[in-house]
C-alpha atoms as a PDB file:
ATOM      1  CA  MET A   1     -10.189 -33.991   2.371  1.00  0.00           C
ATOM      2  CA  ASP A   2      -7.122 -35.444   0.910  1.00  0.00           C
ATOM      3  CA  LYS A   3      -4.217 -36.543   2.940  1.00  0.00           C
ATOM      4  CA  LEU A   4      -1.611 -33.979   3.236  1.00  0.00           C
ATOM      5  CA  THR A   5       1.296 -34.907   0.938  1.00  0.00           C
ATOM      6  CA  GLU A   6       4.531 -33.211   0.056  1.00  0.00           C
ATOM      7  CA  ASP A   7       3.083 -32.128  -3.367  1.00  0.00           C
ATOM      8  CA  LEU A   8      -0.128 -30.743  -1.704  1.00  0.00           C
ATOM      9  CA  LEU A   9       1.905 -28.926   0.967  1.00  0.00           C
ATOM     10  CA  ARG A  10       4.027 -27.211  -1.717  1.00  0.00           C
ATOM     11  CA  GLU A  11       0.998 -26.215  -3.630  1.00  0.00           C
ATOM     12  CA  LEU A  12      -0.843 -24.673  -0.478  1.00  0.00           C
ATOM     13  CA  TYR A  13       2.265 -23.036   0.891  1.00  0.00           C
ATOM     14  CA  ILE A  14       4.022 -21.742  -2.234  1.00  0.00           C
ATOM     15  CA  GLU A  15       1.683 -21.585  -5.025  1.00  0.00           C
ATOM     16  CA  LYS A  16      -1.402 -20.484  -2.866  1.00  0.00           C
ATOM     17  CA  GLY A  17       0.613 -18.555  -0.456  1.00  0.00           C
ATOM     18  CA  MET A  18      -1.066 -20.001   2.661  1.00  0.00           C
ATOM     19  CA  SER A  19       0.809 -19.766   6.138  1.00  0.00           C
ATOM     20  CA  ASP A  20       1.399 -22.671   8.314  1.00  0.00           C
ATOM     21  CA  ARG A  21      -1.349 -21.624  10.529  1.00  0.00           C
ATOM     22  CA  GLU A  22      -3.985 -21.410   7.672  1.00  0.00           C
ATOM     23  CA  ILE A  23      -2.838 -24.908   6.500  1.00  0.00           C
ATOM     24  CA  GLY A  24      -2.916 -26.333   9.851  1.00  0.00           C
ATOM     25  CA  ASP A  25      -6.377 -24.980  10.564  1.00  0.00           C
ATOM     26  CA  LEU A  26      -7.550 -26.587   7.239  1.00  0.00           C
ATOM     27  CA  TYR A  27      -6.311 -30.001   8.184  1.00  0.00           C
ATOM     28  CA  GLY A  28      -7.187 -29.684  11.987  1.00  0.00           C
ATOM     29  CA  VAL A  29      -3.584 -29.804  13.137  1.00  0.00           C
ATOM     30  CA  THR A  30      -1.107 -27.328  14.735  1.00  0.00           C
ATOM     31  CA  ARG A  31       0.961 -24.725  12.993  1.00  0.00           C
ATOM     32  CA  ALA A  32       4.021 -26.514  14.405  1.00  0.00           C
ATOM     33  CA  ASN A  33       2.945 -29.756  12.719  1.00  0.00           C
ATOM     34  CA  ILE A  34       2.878 -28.149   9.409  1.00  0.00           C
ATOM     35  CA  SER A  35       6.099 -26.380  10.106  1.00  0.00           C
ATOM     36  CA  TYR A  36       7.682 -29.878  10.980  1.00  0.00           C
ATOM     37  CA  HIS A  37       6.489 -31.434   7.705  1.00  0.00           C
ATOM     38  CA  ARG A  38       7.750 -28.464   5.639  1.00  0.00           C
ATOM     39  CA  LYS A  39      11.254 -28.888   7.172  1.00  0.00           C
ATOM     40  CA  LYS A  40      11.088 -32.589   6.711  1.00  0.00           C
ATOM     41  CA  TRP A  41      10.232 -32.268   2.941  1.00  0.00           C
ATOM     42  CA  GLY A  42      12.689 -29.525   2.421  1.00  0.00           C
ATOM     43  CA  ILE A  43      10.115 -26.711   1.726  1.00  0.00           C
ATOM     44  CA  GLU A  44      11.934 -23.389   2.675  1.00  0.00           C
ATOM     45  CA  GLY A  45      10.130 -21.151   5.007  1.00  0.00           C
ATOM     46  CA  LYS A  46       8.960 -17.623   3.961  1.00  0.00           C
ATOM     47  CA  PRO A  47      10.136 -14.491   5.881  1.00  0.00           C
ATOM     48  CA  SER A  48       7.783 -13.576   8.689  1.00  0.00           C
ATOM     49  CA  LEU A  49       5.316 -10.827   7.922  1.00  0.00           C
ATOM     50  CA  SER A  50       7.185  -8.327  10.008  1.00  0.00           C
ATOM     51  CA  LYS A  51      10.429  -8.928   8.153  1.00  0.00           C
ATOM     52  CA  LYS A  52       8.626  -8.780   4.849  1.00  0.00           C
ATOM     53  CA  ALA A  53       6.891  -5.532   5.815  1.00  0.00           C
ATOM     54  CA  ILE A  54      10.301  -4.022   6.910  1.00  0.00           C
ATOM     55  CA  GLN A  55      11.778  -5.031   3.617  1.00  0.00           C
ATOM     56  CA  ASP A  56       8.965  -3.566   1.776  1.00  0.00           C
ATOM     57  CA  VAL A  57       9.229  -0.287   3.509  1.00  0.00           C
ATOM     58  CA  GLN A  58      13.013  -0.241   2.816  1.00  0.00           C
ATOM     59  CA  ASN A  59      12.346  -0.868  -0.808  1.00  0.00           C
ATOM     60  CA  LYS A  60       9.921   1.773  -1.007  1.00  0.00           C
ATOM     61  CA  LEU A  61      12.118   4.404   0.560  1.00  0.00           C
ATOM     62  CA  ASP A  62      15.009   3.263  -1.510  1.00  0.00           C
ATOM     63  CA  SER A  63      12.976   3.915  -4.737  1.00  0.00           C
ATOM     64  CA  LEU A  64      12.345   7.443  -3.359  1.00  0.00           C
ATOM     65  CA  GLY A  65      15.968   8.109  -3.049  1.00  0.00           C
ATOM     66  CA  PHE A  66      16.277   7.832   0.762  1.00  0.00           C
ATOM     67  CA  VAL A  67      19.378   6.316   2.431  1.00  0.00           C
ATOM     68  CA  VAL A  68      18.028   3.557   4.753  1.00  0.00           C
ATOM     69  CA  GLU A  69      19.596   1.156   7.322  1.00  0.00           C
ATOM     70  CA  ASN A  70      17.785  -1.937   8.573  1.00  0.00           C
ATOM     71  CA  MET A  71      18.609  -1.842  12.354  1.00  0.00           C
ATOM     72  CA  LYS A  72      17.050  -5.258  12.929  1.00  0.00           C
ATOM     73  CA  LYS A  73      19.781  -6.886  10.832  1.00  0.00           C
ATOM     74  CA  LYS A  74      22.356  -5.411  13.441  1.00  0.00           C
ATOM     75  CA  ASN A  75      20.207  -6.493  16.487  1.00  0.00           C
ATOM     76  CA  THR A  76      16.934  -8.192  16.387  1.00  0.00           C
ATOM     77  CA  HIS A  77      15.896  -6.578  19.569  1.00  0.00           C
ATOM     78  CA  HIS A  78      16.673  -3.025  18.480  1.00  0.00           C
ATOM     79  CA  ILE A  79      14.064  -0.552  19.751  1.00  0.00           C
ATOM     80  CA  PHE A  80      13.158   0.613  16.158  1.00  0.00           C
ATOM     81  CA  ASP A  81      13.213  -1.079  12.663  1.00  0.00           C
ATOM     82  CA  LEU A  82      14.733   1.258  10.071  1.00  0.00           C
ATOM     83  CA  LEU A  83      16.889   4.411  10.210  1.00  0.00           C
ATOM     84  CA  VAL A  84      16.528   7.062   7.400  1.00  0.00           C
ATOM     85  CA  GLU A  85      19.207   9.229   6.356  1.00  0.00           C
ATOM     86  CA  ASN A  86      21.052   8.567   9.728  1.00  0.00           C
ATOM     87  CA  THR A  87      18.434  10.577  11.515  1.00  0.00           C
ATOM     88  CA  ILE A  88      14.698   9.458  11.259  1.00  0.00           C
ATOM     89  CA  ARG A  89      13.598   6.325  13.275  1.00  0.00           C
ATOM     90  CA  LEU A  90      10.887   4.134  11.920  1.00  0.00           C
ATOM     91  CA  ASP A  91       8.692   1.526  13.647  1.00  0.00           C
ATOM     92  CA  ILE A  92       6.959  -0.825  11.226  1.00  0.00           C
ATOM     93  CA  ARG A  93       3.692  -2.436  12.183  1.00  0.00           C
ATOM     94  CA  SER A  94       1.993  -4.866   9.699  1.00  0.00           C
ATOM     95  CA  THR A  95      -0.962  -7.052   9.059  1.00  0.00           C
ATOM     96  CA  GLU A  96      -2.353  -9.208   6.129  1.00  0.00           C
ATOM     97  CA  THR A  97      -5.751  -9.801   7.871  1.00  0.00           C
ATOM     98  CA  LEU A  98      -8.824  -7.843   6.950  1.00  0.00           C
ATOM     99  CA  GLN A  99     -11.541  -8.158   9.475  1.00  0.00           C
ATOM    100  CA  GLU A 100     -14.894  -6.632   8.481  1.00  0.00           C
ATOM    101  CA  ASP A 101     -13.096  -4.575   5.853  1.00  0.00           C
ATOM    102  CA  THR A 102     -10.656  -3.192   8.472  1.00  0.00           C
ATOM    103  CA  PHE A 103      -7.055  -3.652   9.097  1.00  0.00           C
ATOM    104  CA  ARG A 104      -6.138  -3.828  12.760  1.00  0.00           C
ATOM    105  CA  PHE A 105      -2.535  -2.870  13.673  1.00  0.00           C
ATOM    106  CA  LYS A 106      -1.373  -3.951  17.207  1.00  0.00           C
ATOM    107  CA  LEU A 107       0.662  -1.526  19.223  1.00  0.00           C
ATOM    108  CA  LEU A 108       0.917  -3.710  22.379  1.00  0.00           C
ATOM    109  CA  ASP A 109       3.937  -5.822  23.278  1.00  0.00           C
ATOM    110  CA  SER A 110       3.057  -9.636  22.976  1.00  0.00           C
ATOM    111  CA  ASP A 111       1.476 -11.370  26.033  1.00  0.00           C
ATOM    112  CA  ASN A 112       4.586 -13.309  26.962  1.00  0.00           C
ATOM    113  CA  SER A 113       7.113 -10.580  26.351  1.00  0.00           C
ATOM    114  CA  CYS A 114       7.611 -10.071  30.136  1.00  0.00           C
ATOM    115  CA  LEU A 115       8.829  -6.486  29.535  1.00  0.00           C
ATOM    116  CA  LEU A 116       8.743  -3.976  32.432  1.00  0.00           C
ATOM    117  CA  GLU A 117       7.616  -0.295  32.482  1.00  0.00           C
ATOM    118  CA  SER A 118      10.460   2.177  31.718  1.00  0.00           C
ATOM    119  CA  ASP A 119      11.212   5.529  30.236  1.00  0.00           C
ATOM    120  CA  ASN A 120      10.450   4.102  26.872  1.00  0.00           C
ATOM    121  CA  ARG A 121       7.723   1.534  27.828  1.00  0.00           C
ATOM    122  CA  LEU A 122       4.451   1.997  29.461  1.00  0.00           C
ATOM    123  CA  GLN A 123       2.333  -0.482  31.518  1.00  0.00           C
ATOM    124  CA  LEU A 124      -1.441  -0.201  30.773  1.00  0.00           C
ATOM    125  CA  LYS A 125      -4.304  -0.900  33.191  1.00  0.00           C
ATOM    126  CA  ASN A 126      -4.755  -4.368  31.792  1.00  0.00           C
ATOM    127  CA  GLY A 127      -1.158  -5.171  32.675  1.00  0.00           C
ATOM    128  CA  ARG A 128       0.084  -5.243  29.101  1.00  0.00           C
ATOM    129  CA  THR A 129       3.096  -3.243  28.088  1.00  0.00           C
ATOM    130  CA  LYS A 130       3.886  -1.056  24.988  1.00  0.00           C
ATOM    131  CA  LYS A 131       6.527   1.145  23.754  1.00  0.00           C
ATOM    132  CA  ILE A 132       5.972   4.999  24.249  1.00  0.00           C
ATOM    133  CA  LEU A 133       6.316   5.410  20.584  1.00  0.00           C
ATOM    134  CA  ARG A 134       7.158   9.244  20.438  1.00  0.00           C
ATOM    135  CA  ASN A 135      10.224   8.307  22.545  1.00  0.00           C
ATOM    136  CA  THR A 136      11.486   5.385  20.620  1.00  0.00           C
ATOM    137  CA  CYS A 137      10.731   6.429  16.927  1.00  0.00           C
ATOM    138  CA  ASP A 138       9.823   9.347  14.741  1.00  0.00           C
ATOM    139  CA  PHE A 139       7.200   7.732  12.582  1.00  0.00           C
ATOM    140  CA  VAL A 140       5.175   4.528  12.660  1.00  0.00           C
ATOM    141  CA  ILE A 141       4.762   3.021   9.242  1.00  0.00           C
ATOM    142  CA  LEU A 142       1.647   0.856   9.076  1.00  0.00           C
ATOM    143  CA  VAL A 143       1.780  -1.833   6.216  1.00  0.00           C
ATOM    144  CA  GLY A 144      -1.410  -3.526   5.424  1.00  0.00           C
ATOM    145  CA  TYR A 145      -1.430  -6.206   2.680  1.00  0.00           C
ATOM    146  CA  LEU A 146      -4.531  -6.456   0.340  1.00  0.00           C
ATOM    147  CA  LYS A 147      -4.234  -9.526  -1.827  1.00  0.00           C
ATOM    148  CA  GLY A 148      -0.639  -9.450  -1.382  1.00  0.00           C
ATOM    149  CA  VAL A 149      -0.103  -5.746  -2.168  1.00  0.00           C
ATOM    150  CA  ALA A 150       1.463  -3.497   0.411  1.00  0.00           C
ATOM    151  CA  ASN A 151      -0.468  -0.385   1.431  1.00  0.00           C
ATOM    152  CA  PHE A 152       1.398   2.225   3.688  1.00  0.00           C
ATOM    153  CA  TRP A 153       0.354   4.803   6.167  1.00  0.00           C
ATOM    154  CA  VAL A 154       3.075   7.041   7.497  1.00  0.00           C
ATOM    155  CA  ILE A 155       2.184   8.575  10.834  1.00  0.00           C
ATOM    156  CA  PRO A 156       4.215  10.694  13.010  1.00  0.00           C
ATOM    157  CA  SER A 157       4.637   9.108  16.382  1.00  0.00           C
ATOM    158  CA  ARG A 158       3.885  12.346  18.197  1.00  0.00           C
ATOM    159  CA  ASN A 159       0.273  12.218  16.770  1.00  0.00           C
ATOM    160  CA  LEU A 160      -0.322   8.945  18.568  1.00  0.00           C
ATOM    161  CA  LYS A 161      -1.595   8.739  22.303  1.00  0.00           C
ATOM    162  CA  ASP A 162       0.859   6.946  24.610  1.00  0.00           C
ATOM    163  CA  ASP A 163      -1.922   4.522  25.744  1.00  0.00           C
ATOM    164  CA  LEU A 164      -3.139   3.767  22.277  1.00  0.00           C
ATOM    165  CA  ASN A 165      -3.688  -0.144  22.067  1.00  0.00           C
ATOM    166  CA  GLY A 166      -3.826  -0.274  18.348  1.00  0.00           C
ATOM    167  CA  ILE A 167      -4.916   1.332  15.112  1.00  0.00           C
ATOM    168  CA  SER A 168      -7.980   0.257  13.062  1.00  0.00           C
ATOM    169  CA  ILE A 169      -7.925   1.380   9.284  1.00  0.00           C
ATOM    170  CA  ARG A 170     -10.774   0.768   6.599  1.00  0.00           C
ATOM    171  CA  PRO A 171      -8.736   0.731   3.431  1.00  0.00           C
ATOM    172  CA  TYR A 172     -11.642   1.303   1.212  1.00  0.00           C
ATOM    173  CA  SER A 173     -13.048   4.089   3.169  1.00  0.00           C
ATOM    174  CA  ASP A 174     -12.831   7.670   1.983  1.00  0.00           C
ATOM    175  CA  SER A 175     -13.531   9.130   5.478  1.00  0.00           C
ATOM    176  CA  SER A 176     -10.936   7.380   7.593  1.00  0.00           C
ATOM    177  CA  LYS A 177      -9.201   9.777  10.010  1.00  0.00           C
ATOM    178  CA  TYR A 178      -5.893   8.134   8.888  1.00  0.00           C
ATOM    179  CA  LEU A 179      -6.678   8.991   5.207  1.00  0.00           C
ATOM    180  CA  ASP A 180      -4.099  11.815   5.256  1.00  0.00           C
ATOM    181  CA  TYR A 181      -1.309   9.531   6.348  1.00  0.00           C
ATOM    182  CA  LYS A 182      -1.712   7.165   3.185  1.00  0.00           C
ATOM    183  CA  ASP A 183       1.525   7.086   1.377  1.00  0.00           C
ATOM    184  CA  SER A 184       2.510  10.304   3.169  1.00  0.00           C
ATOM    185  CA  TRP A 185       6.285   9.770   2.501  1.00  0.00           C
ATOM    186  CA  GLY A 186       6.792  13.467   1.964  1.00  0.00           C
ATOM    187  CA  SER A 187       6.312  14.034   5.702  1.00  0.00           C
ATOM    188  CA  ILE A 188       9.445  12.141   6.326  1.00  0.00           C
ATOM    189  CA  ARG A 189      11.428  14.299   3.701  1.00  0.00           C
ATOM    190  CA  GLN A 190      10.006  17.412   5.289  1.00  0.00           C
ATOM    191  CA  THR A 191      10.942  16.278   8.815  1.00  0.00           C
ATOM    192  CA  ILE A 192      14.612  15.618   7.638  1.00  0.00           C
ATOM    193  CA  LYS A 193      14.640  19.257   6.100  1.00  0.00           C
ATOM    194  CA  LEU A 194      13.376  20.694   9.366  1.00  0.00           C
ATOM    195  CA  GLN A 195      15.968  18.765  11.384  1.00  0.00           C
ATOM    196  CA  ARG A 196      18.753  20.044   9.073  1.00  0.00           C
ATOM    197  CA  VAL A 197      17.545  23.661   9.381  1.00  0.00           C
ATOM    198  CA  ASN A 198      17.321  23.502  13.131  1.00  0.00           C
ATOM    199  CA  ARG A 199      20.976  22.045  13.243  1.00  0.00           C
ATOM    200  CA  VAL A 200      22.197  24.913  11.064  1.00  0.00           C
ATOM    201  CA  GLY A 201      20.304  27.492  12.912  1.00  0.00           C
END
């Protein structure tokens, strides 16, 4: 294999869209090593997948005529990601990895988060914690990237069990139990209308 040069790193990272980790695996070095060389050679980093997914959801909602606010720009530790029409809270989960034709979206907090159980957070039997999503958001938006193209599933948080560790979706399947949630943006509009009716009533 060729020695990693600035030109080669630019080609792999920018033109081929490989991540630091993928390039590191290719050359048998750590992600941090690749990140160091990128900075050394002035190759600007790409936004994280979670930031990209939040922006892609916001762009989609903007195109549908919703008023959307990115809460993470105010506070990176905000309990939800986007606020729609000043009323609907969205939690965005994303992946670009397809394993056995399946997207696997994680709902657990990270291993090293050191978060404690609370009214909004549940500790599972394995010791890991996760948000009680029905308390912290109205919808969970799953964003799965197929060859760089975003696919969306719009799921009301009340439809997810509190102790659910993750969600597996086969994007090519016609029998997925999550099929009804694919591009179900109308459910957000319907929820907004119901909330307005309830406030008036």
